[in-house]
Amino acid sequence: MDSTAIVRHTKIKATANPFLDEAYFQKRKFDKGMHRLTGKFKTIWKNQNGLCYHCGMPMDVTEEREIFYLAPKTKTGVEDVRNMRYVHCVCQRIYAENRLKK
């Protein structure tokens, strides 16, 4: 029983309305991501303010996401925080399809 971690959950303000208080709920998503991620992934999340690099929409830490490399690893790109961005999986597919068409 000693090894079981106690997890405290942040309560939602009773007066908060998801349709009117978008900034409040966006900040909650960002804070949830900051709490769940560690290391360089937390730094990437913080640098982007929890927003998708391609579309700019808020990301939830529990949804599908990918790491996008500004300079591809195949072309001298390194696995460094300055080269990595979080994107939605759907946004990445659209970006890749558009890049292939060009």
PDB file of N, CA and C in Angstrom:
ATOM      1  N   MET A   1       0.813  -1.195   0.000  1.00  0.00           N
ATOM      2  CA  MET A   1       0.000   0.000   0.000  1.00  0.00           C
ATOM      3  C   MET A   1       0.858   1.261   0.000  1.00  0.00           C
ATOM      4  N   ASP A   2       2.081   1.189   0.539  1.00  0.00           N
ATOM      5  CA  ASP A   2       2.936   2.374   0.579  1.00  0.00           C
ATOM      6  C   ASP A   2       3.342   2.849  -0.810  1.00  0.00           C
ATOM      7  N   SER A   3       3.431   1.924  -1.765  1.00  0.00           N
ATOM      8  CA  SER A   3       3.904   2.303  -3.085  1.00  0.00           C
ATOM      9  C   SER A   3       2.815   2.923  -3.966  1.00  0.00           C
ATOM     10  N   THR A   4       1.574   2.922  -3.512  1.00  0.00           N
ATOM     11  CA  THR A   4       0.486   3.517  -4.280  1.00  0.00           C
ATOM     12  C   THR A   4       0.539   5.032  -4.167  1.00  0.00           C
ATOM     13  N   ALA A   5       0.665   5.679  -5.325  1.00  0.00           N
ATOM     14  CA  ALA A   5       0.753   7.139  -5.342  1.00  0.00           C
ATOM     15  C   ALA A   5      -0.623   7.765  -5.153  1.00  0.00           C
ATOM     16  N   ILE A   6      -0.661   8.854  -4.427  1.00  0.00           N
ATOM     17  CA  ILE A   6      -1.889   9.599  -4.247  1.00  0.00           C
ATOM     18  C   ILE A   6      -1.931  10.686  -5.309  1.00  0.00           C
ATOM     19  N   VAL A   7      -2.981  10.666  -6.116  1.00  0.00           N
ATOM     20  CA  VAL A   7      -3.116  11.639  -7.196  1.00  0.00           C
ATOM     21  C   VAL A   7      -4.249  12.589  -6.847  1.00  0.00           C
ATOM     22  N   ARG A   8      -3.920  13.859  -6.777  1.00  0.00           N
ATOM     23  CA  ARG A   8      -4.920  14.887  -6.500  1.00  0.00           C
ATOM     24  C   ARG A   8      -5.423  15.445  -7.825  1.00  0.00           C
ATOM     25  N   HIS A   9      -6.725  15.551  -7.969  1.00  0.00           N
ATOM     26  CA  HIS A   9      -7.317  16.085  -9.186  1.00  0.00           C
ATOM     27  C   HIS A   9      -7.769  17.520  -8.953  1.00  0.00           C
ATOM     28  N   THR A  10      -7.509  18.358  -9.922  1.00  0.00           N
ATOM     29  CA  THR A  10      -7.911  19.746  -9.827  1.00  0.00           C
ATOM     30  C   THR A  10      -9.397  19.849 -10.144  1.00  0.00           C
ATOM     31  N   LYS A  11     -10.130  20.476  -9.265  1.00  0.00           N
ATOM     32  CA  LYS A  11     -11.566  20.626  -9.473  1.00  0.00           C
ATOM     33  C   LYS A  11     -11.842  21.754 -10.454  1.00  0.00           C
ATOM     34  N   ILE A  12     -12.919  21.612 -11.207  1.00  0.00           N
ATOM     35  CA  ILE A  12     -13.354  22.654 -12.133  1.00  0.00           C
ATOM     36  C   ILE A  12     -14.156  23.679 -11.357  1.00  0.00           C
ATOM     37  N   LYS A  13     -13.944  24.963 -11.684  1.00  0.00           N
ATOM     38  CA  LYS A  13     -14.721  26.012 -11.040  1.00  0.00           C
ATOM     39  C   LYS A  13     -16.199  25.775 -11.324  1.00  0.00           C
ATOM     40  N   ALA A  14     -17.030  25.898 -10.309  1.00  0.00           N
ATOM     41  CA  ALA A  14     -18.459  25.650 -10.461  1.00  0.00           C
ATOM     42  C   ALA A  14     -19.109  26.664 -11.396  1.00  0.00           C
ATOM     43  N   THR A  15     -18.544  27.852 -11.480  1.00  0.00           N
ATOM     44  CA  THR A  15     -19.145  28.893 -12.311  1.00  0.00           C
ATOM     45  C   THR A  15     -18.624  28.869 -13.749  1.00  0.00           C
ATOM     46  N   ALA A  16     -17.693  27.963 -14.063  1.00  0.00           N
ATOM     47  CA  ALA A  16     -17.094  27.917 -15.400  1.00  0.00           C
ATOM     48  C   ALA A  16     -18.051  27.284 -16.395  1.00  0.00           C
ATOM     49  N   ASN A  17     -18.177  27.917 -17.551  1.00  0.00           N
ATOM     50  CA  ASN A  17     -19.017  27.427 -18.631  1.00  0.00           C
ATOM     51  C   ASN A  17     -18.111  27.117 -19.816  1.00  0.00           C
ATOM     52  N   PRO A  18     -18.124  25.872 -20.333  1.00  0.00           N
ATOM     53  CA  PRO A  18     -17.215  25.520 -21.427  1.00  0.00           C
ATOM     54  C   PRO A  18     -17.426  26.339 -22.699  1.00  0.00           C
ATOM     55  N   PHE A  19     -18.604  26.901 -22.878  1.00  0.00           N
ATOM     56  CA  PHE A  19     -18.894  27.673 -24.080  1.00  0.00           C
ATOM     57  C   PHE A  19     -18.503  29.139 -23.938  1.00  0.00           C
ATOM     58  N   LEU A  20     -18.429  29.629 -22.720  1.00  0.00           N
ATOM     59  CA  LEU A  20     -18.125  31.037 -22.493  1.00  0.00           C
ATOM     60  C   LEU A  20     -16.718  31.265 -21.970  1.00  0.00           C
ATOM     61  N   ASP A  21     -16.199  30.344 -21.202  1.00  0.00           N
ATOM     62  CA  ASP A  21     -14.881  30.486 -20.572  1.00  0.00           C
ATOM     63  C   ASP A  21     -13.833  29.635 -21.286  1.00  0.00           C
ATOM     64  N   GLU A  22     -13.648  29.873 -22.586  1.00  0.00           N
ATOM     65  CA  GLU A  22     -12.719  29.059 -23.370  1.00  0.00           C
ATOM     66  C   GLU A  22     -11.291  29.188 -22.862  1.00  0.00           C
ATOM     67  N   ALA A  23     -10.898  30.369 -22.450  1.00  0.00           N
ATOM     68  CA  ALA A  23      -9.523  30.579 -21.968  1.00  0.00           C
ATOM     69  C   ALA A  23      -9.254  29.747 -20.716  1.00  0.00           C
ATOM     70  N   TYR A  24     -10.234  29.671 -19.824  1.00  0.00           N
ATOM     71  CA  TYR A  24     -10.082  28.885 -18.591  1.00  0.00           C
ATOM     72  C   TYR A  24      -9.860  27.406 -18.918  1.00  0.00           C
ATOM     73  N   PHE A  25     -10.682  26.861 -19.819  1.00  0.00           N
ATOM     74  CA  PHE A  25     -10.571  25.442 -20.142  1.00  0.00           C
ATOM     75  C   PHE A  25      -9.325  25.146 -20.981  1.00  0.00           C
ATOM     76  N   GLN A  26      -8.883  26.089 -21.797  1.00  0.00           N
ATOM     77  CA  GLN A  26      -7.640  25.912 -22.541  1.00  0.00           C
ATOM     78  C   GLN A  26      -6.451  25.889 -21.581  1.00  0.00           C
ATOM     79  N   LYS A  27      -6.472  26.739 -20.567  1.00  0.00           N
ATOM     80  CA  LYS A  27      -5.402  26.748 -19.564  1.00  0.00           C
ATOM     81  C   LYS A  27      -5.393  25.442 -18.778  1.00  0.00           C
ATOM     82  N   ARG A  28      -6.582  24.883 -18.481  1.00  0.00           N
ATOM     83  CA  ARG A  28      -6.660  23.596 -17.785  1.00  0.00           C
ATOM     84  C   ARG A  28      -6.005  22.494 -18.617  1.00  0.00           C
ATOM     85  N   LYS A  29      -6.269  22.492 -19.938  1.00  0.00           N
ATOM     86  CA  LYS A  29      -5.656  21.494 -20.818  1.00  0.00           C
ATOM     87  C   LYS A  29      -4.139  21.640 -20.826  1.00  0.00           C
ATOM     88  N   PHE A  30      -3.672  22.884 -20.911  1.00  0.00           N
ATOM     89  CA  PHE A  30      -2.231  23.140 -20.920  1.00  0.00           C
ATOM     90  C   PHE A  30      -1.601  22.661 -19.615  1.00  0.00           C
ATOM     91  N   ASP A  31      -2.217  22.994 -18.487  1.00  0.00           N
ATOM     92  CA  ASP A  31      -1.685  22.588 -17.181  1.00  0.00           C
ATOM     93  C   ASP A  31      -1.693  21.072 -17.023  1.00  0.00           C
ATOM     94  N   LYS A  32      -2.719  20.412 -17.559  1.00  0.00           N
ATOM     95  CA  LYS A  32      -2.783  18.953 -17.490  1.00  0.00           C
ATOM     96  C   LYS A  32      -1.620  18.340 -18.273  1.00  0.00           C
ATOM     97  N   GLY A  33      -1.315  18.929 -19.436  1.00  0.00           N
ATOM     98  CA  GLY A  33      -0.182  18.459 -20.225  1.00  0.00           C
ATOM     99  C   GLY A  33       1.134  18.680 -19.505  1.00  0.00           C
ATOM    100  N   MET A  34       1.278  19.836 -18.864  1.00  0.00           N
ATOM    101  CA  MET A  34       2.507  20.134 -18.126  1.00  0.00           C
ATOM    102  C   MET A  34       2.697  19.159 -16.966  1.00  0.00           C
ATOM    103  N   HIS A  35       1.598  18.722 -16.375  1.00  0.00           N
ATOM    104  CA  HIS A  35       1.675  17.807 -15.233  1.00  0.00           C
ATOM    105  C   HIS A  35       2.019  16.383 -15.676  1.00  0.00           C
ATOM    106  N   ARG A  36       1.497  15.959 -16.838  1.00  0.00           N
ATOM    107  CA  ARG A  36       1.665  14.574 -17.270  1.00  0.00           C
ATOM    108  C   ARG A  36       2.971  14.306 -18.012  1.00  0.00           C
ATOM    109  N   LEU A  37       3.518  15.307 -18.702  1.00  0.00           N
ATOM    110  CA  LEU A  37       4.715  15.091 -19.510  1.00  0.00           C
ATOM    111  C   LEU A  37       5.981  15.344 -18.702  1.00  0.00           C
ATOM    112  N   THR A  38       7.082  14.787 -19.176  1.00  0.00           N
ATOM    113  CA  THR A  38       8.363  14.977 -18.498  1.00  0.00           C
ATOM    114  C   THR A  38       9.459  15.231 -19.531  1.00  0.00           C
ATOM    115  N   GLY A  39      10.559  15.740 -19.072  1.00  0.00           N
ATOM    116  CA  GLY A  39      11.765  15.912 -19.888  1.00  0.00           C
ATOM    117  C   GLY A  39      11.577  16.828 -21.072  1.00  0.00           C
ATOM    118  N   LYS A  40      12.148  16.409 -22.205  1.00  0.00           N
ATOM    119  CA  LYS A  40      12.101  17.253 -23.400  1.00  0.00           C
ATOM    120  C   LYS A  40      10.682  17.387 -23.946  1.00  0.00           C
ATOM    121  N   PHE A  41       9.823  16.399 -23.714  1.00  0.00           N
ATOM    122  CA  PHE A  41       8.450  16.472 -24.193  1.00  0.00           C
ATOM    123  C   PHE A  41       7.667  17.558 -23.448  1.00  0.00           C
ATOM    124  N   LYS A  42       7.981  17.735 -22.181  1.00  0.00           N
ATOM    125  CA  LYS A  42       7.368  18.809 -21.396  1.00  0.00           C
ATOM    126  C   LYS A  42       7.841  20.171 -21.911  1.00  0.00           C
ATOM    127  N   THR A  43       9.106  20.266 -22.281  1.00  0.00           N
ATOM    128  CA  THR A  43       9.656  21.513 -22.817  1.00  0.00           C
ATOM    129  C   THR A  43       9.003  21.862 -24.151  1.00  0.00           C
ATOM    130  N   ILE A  44       8.804  20.866 -25.015  1.00  0.00           N
ATOM    131  CA  ILE A  44       8.139  21.102 -26.301  1.00  0.00           C
ATOM    132  C   ILE A  44       6.720  21.588 -26.064  1.00  0.00           C
ATOM    133  N   TRP A  45       5.997  20.932 -25.156  1.00  0.00           N
ATOM    134  CA  TRP A  45       4.614  21.305 -24.815  1.00  0.00           C
ATOM    135  C   TRP A  45       4.561  22.752 -24.318  1.00  0.00           C
ATOM    136  N   LYS A  46       5.498  23.119 -23.477  1.00  0.00           N
ATOM    137  CA  LYS A  46       5.541  24.468 -22.906  1.00  0.00           C
ATOM    138  C   LYS A  46       5.864  25.504 -23.984  1.00  0.00           C
ATOM    139  N   ASN A  47       6.819  25.206 -24.862  1.00  0.00           N
ATOM    140  CA  ASN A  47       7.189  26.133 -25.924  1.00  0.00           C
ATOM    141  C   ASN A  47       6.029  26.417 -26.872  1.00  0.00           C
ATOM    142  N   GLN A  48       5.169  25.436 -27.083  1.00  0.00           N
ATOM    143  CA  GLN A  48       4.036  25.587 -27.990  1.00  0.00           C
ATOM    144  C   GLN A  48       2.757  26.025 -27.284  1.00  0.00           C
ATOM    145  N   ASN A  49       2.793  26.167 -25.986  1.00  0.00           N
ATOM    146  CA  ASN A  49       1.603  26.520 -25.195  1.00  0.00           C
ATOM    147  C   ASN A  49       0.477  25.519 -25.384  1.00  0.00           C
ATOM    148  N   GLY A  50       0.817  24.258 -25.654  1.00  0.00           N
ATOM    149  CA  GLY A  50      -0.189  23.210 -25.813  1.00  0.00           C
ATOM    150  C   GLY A  50      -0.972  23.311 -27.112  1.00  0.00           C
ATOM    151  N   LEU A  51      -0.439  24.014 -28.115  1.00  0.00           N
ATOM    152  CA  LEU A  51      -1.121  24.194 -29.390  1.00  0.00           C
ATOM    153  C   LEU A  51      -0.433  23.378 -30.485  1.00  0.00           C
ATOM    154  N   CYS A  52      -1.222  22.930 -31.457  1.00  0.00           N
ATOM    155  CA  CYS A  52      -0.686  22.197 -32.604  1.00  0.00           C
ATOM    156  C   CYS A  52       0.167  23.141 -33.444  1.00  0.00           C
ATOM    157  N   TYR A  53       1.307  22.664 -33.908  1.00  0.00           N
ATOM    158  CA  TYR A  53       2.216  23.487 -34.706  1.00  0.00           C
ATOM    159  C   TYR A  53       1.607  23.833 -36.065  1.00  0.00           C
ATOM    160  N   HIS A  54       0.858  22.897 -36.674  1.00  0.00           N
ATOM    161  CA  HIS A  54       0.306  23.123 -38.009  1.00  0.00           C
ATOM    162  C   HIS A  54      -0.964  23.969 -37.988  1.00  0.00           C
ATOM    163  N   CYS A  55      -1.935  23.610 -37.162  1.00  0.00           N
ATOM    164  CA  CYS A  55      -3.242  24.287 -37.216  1.00  0.00           C
ATOM    165  C   CYS A  55      -3.432  25.336 -36.132  1.00  0.00           C
ATOM    166  N   GLY A  56      -2.645  25.288 -35.056  1.00  0.00           N
ATOM    167  CA  GLY A  56      -2.756  26.280 -33.991  1.00  0.00           C
ATOM    168  C   GLY A  56      -3.892  26.024 -33.016  1.00  0.00           C
ATOM    169  N   MET A  57      -4.582  24.900 -33.147  1.00  0.00           N
ATOM    170  CA  MET A  57      -5.681  24.560 -32.245  1.00  0.00           C
ATOM    171  C   MET A  57      -5.124  23.896 -30.981  1.00  0.00           C
ATOM    172  N   PRO A  58      -5.833  24.041 -29.853  1.00  0.00           N
ATOM    173  CA  PRO A  58      -5.366  23.418 -28.607  1.00  0.00           C
ATOM    174  C   PRO A  58      -5.320  21.894 -28.725  1.00  0.00           C
ATOM    175  N   MET A  59      -4.320  21.325 -28.082  1.00  0.00           N
ATOM    176  CA  MET A  59      -4.183  19.874 -28.061  1.00  0.00           C
ATOM    177  C   MET A  59      -4.452  19.371 -26.648  1.00  0.00           C
ATOM    178  N   ASP A  60      -5.052  18.204 -26.568  1.00  0.00           N
ATOM    179  CA  ASP A  60      -5.250  17.549 -25.286  1.00  0.00           C
ATOM    180  C   ASP A  60      -4.138  16.524 -25.152  1.00  0.00           C
ATOM    181  N   VAL A  61      -3.570  16.417 -23.970  1.00  0.00           N
ATOM    182  CA  VAL A  61      -2.431  15.527 -23.769  1.00  0.00           C
ATOM    183  C   VAL A  61      -2.837  14.060 -23.962  1.00  0.00           C
ATOM    184  N   THR A  62      -4.124  13.750 -23.884  1.00  0.00           N
ATOM    185  CA  THR A  62      -4.576  12.365 -24.027  1.00  0.00           C
ATOM    186  C   THR A  62      -4.888  11.992 -25.469  1.00  0.00           C
ATOM    187  N   GLU A  63      -4.970  12.972 -26.383  1.00  0.00           N
ATOM    188  CA  GLU A  63      -5.323  12.644 -27.761  1.00  0.00           C
ATOM    189  C   GLU A  63      -4.095  12.260 -28.576  1.00  0.00           C
ATOM    190  N   GLU A  64      -4.348  11.666 -29.738  1.00  0.00           N
ATOM    191  CA  GLU A  64      -3.271  11.228 -30.624  1.00  0.00           C
ATOM    192  C   GLU A  64      -2.483  12.433 -31.120  1.00  0.00           C
ATOM    193  N   ARG A  65      -1.170  12.358 -31.000  1.00  0.00           N
ATOM    194  CA  ARG A  65      -0.316  13.430 -31.482  1.00  0.00           C
ATOM    195  C   ARG A  65       1.009  12.827 -31.952  1.00  0.00           C
ATOM    196  N   GLU A  66       1.709  13.590 -32.759  1.00  0.00           N
ATOM    197  CA  GLU A  66       2.995  13.132 -33.288  1.00  0.00           C
ATOM    198  C   GLU A  66       4.035  14.218 -33.074  1.00  0.00           C
ATOM    199  N   ILE A  67       5.279  13.821 -33.204  1.00  0.00           N
ATOM    200  CA  ILE A  67       6.385  14.775 -33.160  1.00  0.00           C
ATOM    201  C   ILE A  67       6.731  15.118 -34.609  1.00  0.00           C
ATOM    202  N   PHE A  68       6.746  16.403 -34.915  1.00  0.00           N
ATOM    203  CA  PHE A  68       7.111  16.903 -36.241  1.00  0.00           C
ATOM    204  C   PHE A  68       8.501  17.511 -36.129  1.00  0.00           C
ATOM    205  N   TYR A  69       9.389  17.140 -37.046  1.00  0.00           N
ATOM    206  CA  TYR A  69      10.748  17.670 -37.060  1.00  0.00           C
ATOM    207  C   TYR A  69      10.834  18.788 -38.101  1.00  0.00           C
ATOM    208  N   LEU A  70      11.243  19.975 -37.684  1.00  0.00           N
ATOM    209  CA  LEU A  70      11.374  21.098 -38.607  1.00  0.00           C
ATOM    210  C   LEU A  70      12.382  20.765 -39.705  1.00  0.00           C
ATOM    211  N   ALA A  71      13.539  20.276 -39.316  1.00  0.00           N
ATOM    212  CA  ALA A  71      14.533  19.764 -40.261  1.00  0.00           C
ATOM    213  C   ALA A  71      14.476  18.242 -40.139  1.00  0.00           C
ATOM    214  N   PRO A  72      13.989  17.550 -41.184  1.00  0.00           N
ATOM    215  CA  PRO A  72      13.842  16.092 -41.089  1.00  0.00           C
ATOM    216  C   PRO A  72      15.132  15.406 -40.661  1.00  0.00           C
ATOM    217  N   LYS A  73      14.966  14.342 -39.895  1.00  0.00           N
ATOM    218  CA  LYS A  73      16.133  13.614 -39.400  1.00  0.00           C
ATOM    219  C   LYS A  73      16.944  13.023 -40.546  1.00  0.00           C
ATOM    220  N   THR A  74      16.298  12.760 -41.689  1.00  0.00           N
ATOM    221  CA  THR A  74      17.012  12.204 -42.840  1.00  0.00           C
ATOM    222  C   THR A  74      17.890  13.247 -43.517  1.00  0.00           C
ATOM    223  N   LYS A  75      17.597  14.523 -43.266  1.00  0.00           N
ATOM    224  CA  LYS A  75      18.376  15.603 -43.880  1.00  0.00           C
ATOM    225  C   LYS A  75      19.050  16.435 -42.794  1.00  0.00           C
ATOM    226  N   THR A  76      19.945  15.855 -42.088  1.00  0.00           N
ATOM    227  CA  THR A  76      20.767  16.497 -41.040  1.00  0.00           C
ATOM    228  C   THR A  76      19.961  17.048 -39.866  1.00  0.00           C
ATOM    229  N   GLY A  77      18.706  16.648 -39.721  1.00  0.00           N
ATOM    230  CA  GLY A  77      17.928  17.063 -38.561  1.00  0.00           C
ATOM    231  C   GLY A  77      18.330  16.262 -37.333  1.00  0.00           C
ATOM    232  N   VAL A  78      18.357  16.912 -36.198  1.00  0.00           N
ATOM    233  CA  VAL A  78      18.733  16.231 -34.968  1.00  0.00           C
ATOM    234  C   VAL A  78      17.519  16.122 -34.057  1.00  0.00           C
ATOM    235  N   GLU A  79      17.572  15.185 -33.134  1.00  0.00           N
ATOM    236  CA  GLU A  79      16.490  15.004 -32.175  1.00  0.00           C
ATOM    237  C   GLU A  79      16.737  15.947 -31.000  1.00  0.00           C
ATOM    238  N   ASP A  80      16.459  17.218 -31.234  1.00  0.00           N
ATOM    239  CA  ASP A  80      16.678  18.274 -30.266  1.00  0.00           C
ATOM    240  C   ASP A  80      15.359  19.026 -30.064  1.00  0.00           C
ATOM    241  N   VAL A  81      15.171  19.582 -28.893  1.00  0.00           N
ATOM    242  CA  VAL A  81      13.932  20.292 -28.564  1.00  0.00           C
ATOM    243  C   VAL A  81      13.671  21.429 -29.547  1.00  0.00           C
ATOM    244  N   ARG A  82      14.713  22.092 -30.011  1.00  0.00           N
ATOM    245  CA  ARG A  82      14.540  23.210 -30.946  1.00  0.00           C
ATOM    246  C   ARG A  82      14.068  22.750 -32.314  1.00  0.00           C
ATOM    247  N   ASN A  83      14.221  21.477 -32.622  1.00  0.00           N
ATOM    248  CA  ASN A  83      13.837  20.924 -33.921  1.00  0.00           C
ATOM    249  C   ASN A  83      12.513  20.163 -33.863  1.00  0.00           C
ATOM    250  N   MET A  84      11.948  19.961 -32.683  1.00  0.00           N
ATOM    251  CA  MET A  84      10.764  19.115 -32.506  1.00  0.00           C
ATOM    252  C   MET A  84       9.532  19.949 -32.181  1.00  0.00           C
ATOM    253  N   ARG A  85       8.371  19.540 -32.756  1.00  0.00           N
ATOM    254  CA  ARG A  85       7.094  20.195 -32.489  1.00  0.00           C
ATOM    255  C   ARG A  85       6.009  19.129 -32.359  1.00  0.00           C
ATOM    256  N   TYR A  86       5.011  19.389 -31.509  1.00  0.00           N
ATOM    257  CA  TYR A  86       3.848  18.520 -31.404  1.00  0.00           C
ATOM    258  C   TYR A  86       2.824  18.924 -32.450  1.00  0.00           C
ATOM    259  N   VAL A  87       2.215  17.927 -33.111  1.00  0.00           N
ATOM    260  CA  VAL A  87       1.141  18.168 -34.077  1.00  0.00           C
ATOM    261  C   VAL A  87       0.069  17.095 -33.896  1.00  0.00           C
ATOM    262  N   HIS A  88      -1.165  17.433 -34.281  1.00  0.00           N
ATOM    263  CA  HIS A  88      -2.223  16.430 -34.326  1.00  0.00           C
ATOM    264  C   HIS A  88      -1.865  15.409 -35.406  1.00  0.00           C
ATOM    265  N   CYS A  89      -2.257  14.157 -35.238  1.00  0.00           N
ATOM    266  CA  CYS A  89      -1.993  13.130 -36.250  1.00  0.00           C
ATOM    267  C   CYS A  89      -2.662  13.491 -37.577  1.00  0.00           C
ATOM    268  N   VAL A  90      -3.884  14.011 -37.506  1.00  0.00           N
ATOM    269  CA  VAL A  90      -4.617  14.385 -38.715  1.00  0.00           C
ATOM    270  C   VAL A  90      -3.898  15.527 -39.440  1.00  0.00           C
ATOM    271  N   CYS A  91      -3.442  16.517 -38.701  1.00  0.00           N
ATOM    272  CA  CYS A  91      -2.719  17.643 -39.303  1.00  0.00           C
ATOM    273  C   CYS A  91      -1.439  17.173 -39.976  1.00  0.00           C
ATOM    274  N   GLN A  92      -0.761  16.227 -39.380  1.00  0.00           N
ATOM    275  CA  GLN A  92       0.476  15.702 -39.949  1.00  0.00           C
ATOM    276  C   GLN A  92       0.193  14.970 -41.259  1.00  0.00           C
ATOM    277  N   ARG A  93      -0.905  14.190 -41.305  1.00  0.00           N
ATOM    278  CA  ARG A  93      -1.265  13.490 -42.540  1.00  0.00           C
ATOM    279  C   ARG A  93      -1.580  14.476 -43.659  1.00  0.00           C
ATOM    280  N   ILE A  94      -2.348  15.518 -43.341  1.00  0.00           N
ATOM    281  CA  ILE A  94      -2.696  16.540 -44.334  1.00  0.00           C
ATOM    282  C   ILE A  94      -1.439  17.243 -44.827  1.00  0.00           C
ATOM    283  N   TYR A  95      -0.540  17.584 -43.904  1.00  0.00           N
ATOM    284  CA  TYR A  95       0.719  18.255 -44.262  1.00  0.00           C
ATOM    285  C   TYR A  95       1.546  17.366 -45.197  1.00  0.00           C
ATOM    286  N   ALA A  96       1.637  16.078 -44.870  1.00  0.00           N
ATOM    287  CA  ALA A  96       2.429  15.155 -45.678  1.00  0.00           C
ATOM    288  C   ALA A  96       1.820  14.980 -47.067  1.00  0.00           C
ATOM    289  N   GLU A  97       0.485  14.880 -47.151  1.00  0.00           N
ATOM    290  CA  GLU A  97      -0.175  14.744 -48.448  1.00  0.00           C
ATOM    291  C   GLU A  97       0.044  15.979 -49.314  1.00  0.00           C
ATOM    292  N   ASN A  98      -0.066  17.155 -48.724  1.00  0.00           N
ATOM    293  CA  ASN A  98       0.138  18.390 -49.482  1.00  0.00           C
ATOM    294  C   ASN A  98       1.574  18.523 -49.947  1.00  0.00           C
ATOM    295  N   ARG A  99       2.518  18.068 -49.132  1.00  0.00           N
ATOM    296  CA  ARG A  99       3.931  18.140 -49.500  1.00  0.00           C
ATOM    297  C   ARG A  99       4.244  17.200 -50.662  1.00  0.00           C
ATOM    298  N   LEU A 100       3.579  16.038 -50.685  1.00  0.00           N
ATOM    299  CA  LEU A 100       3.801  15.077 -51.780  1.00  0.00           C
ATOM    300  C   LEU A 100       3.226  15.588 -53.097  1.00  0.00           C
ATOM    301  N   LYS A 101       2.129  16.354 -53.039  1.00  0.00           N
ATOM    302  CA  LYS A 101       1.505  16.881 -54.251  1.00  0.00           C
ATOM    303  C   LYS A 101       2.361  17.932 -54.937  1.00  0.00           C
ATOM    304  N   LYS A 102       3.175  18.623 -54.163  1.00  0.00           N
ATOM    305  CA  LYS A 102       3.996  19.717 -54.730  1.00  0.00           C
ATOM    306  C   LYS A 102       5.180  19.209 -55.490  1.00  0.00           C
TER     307      LYS A 102
END
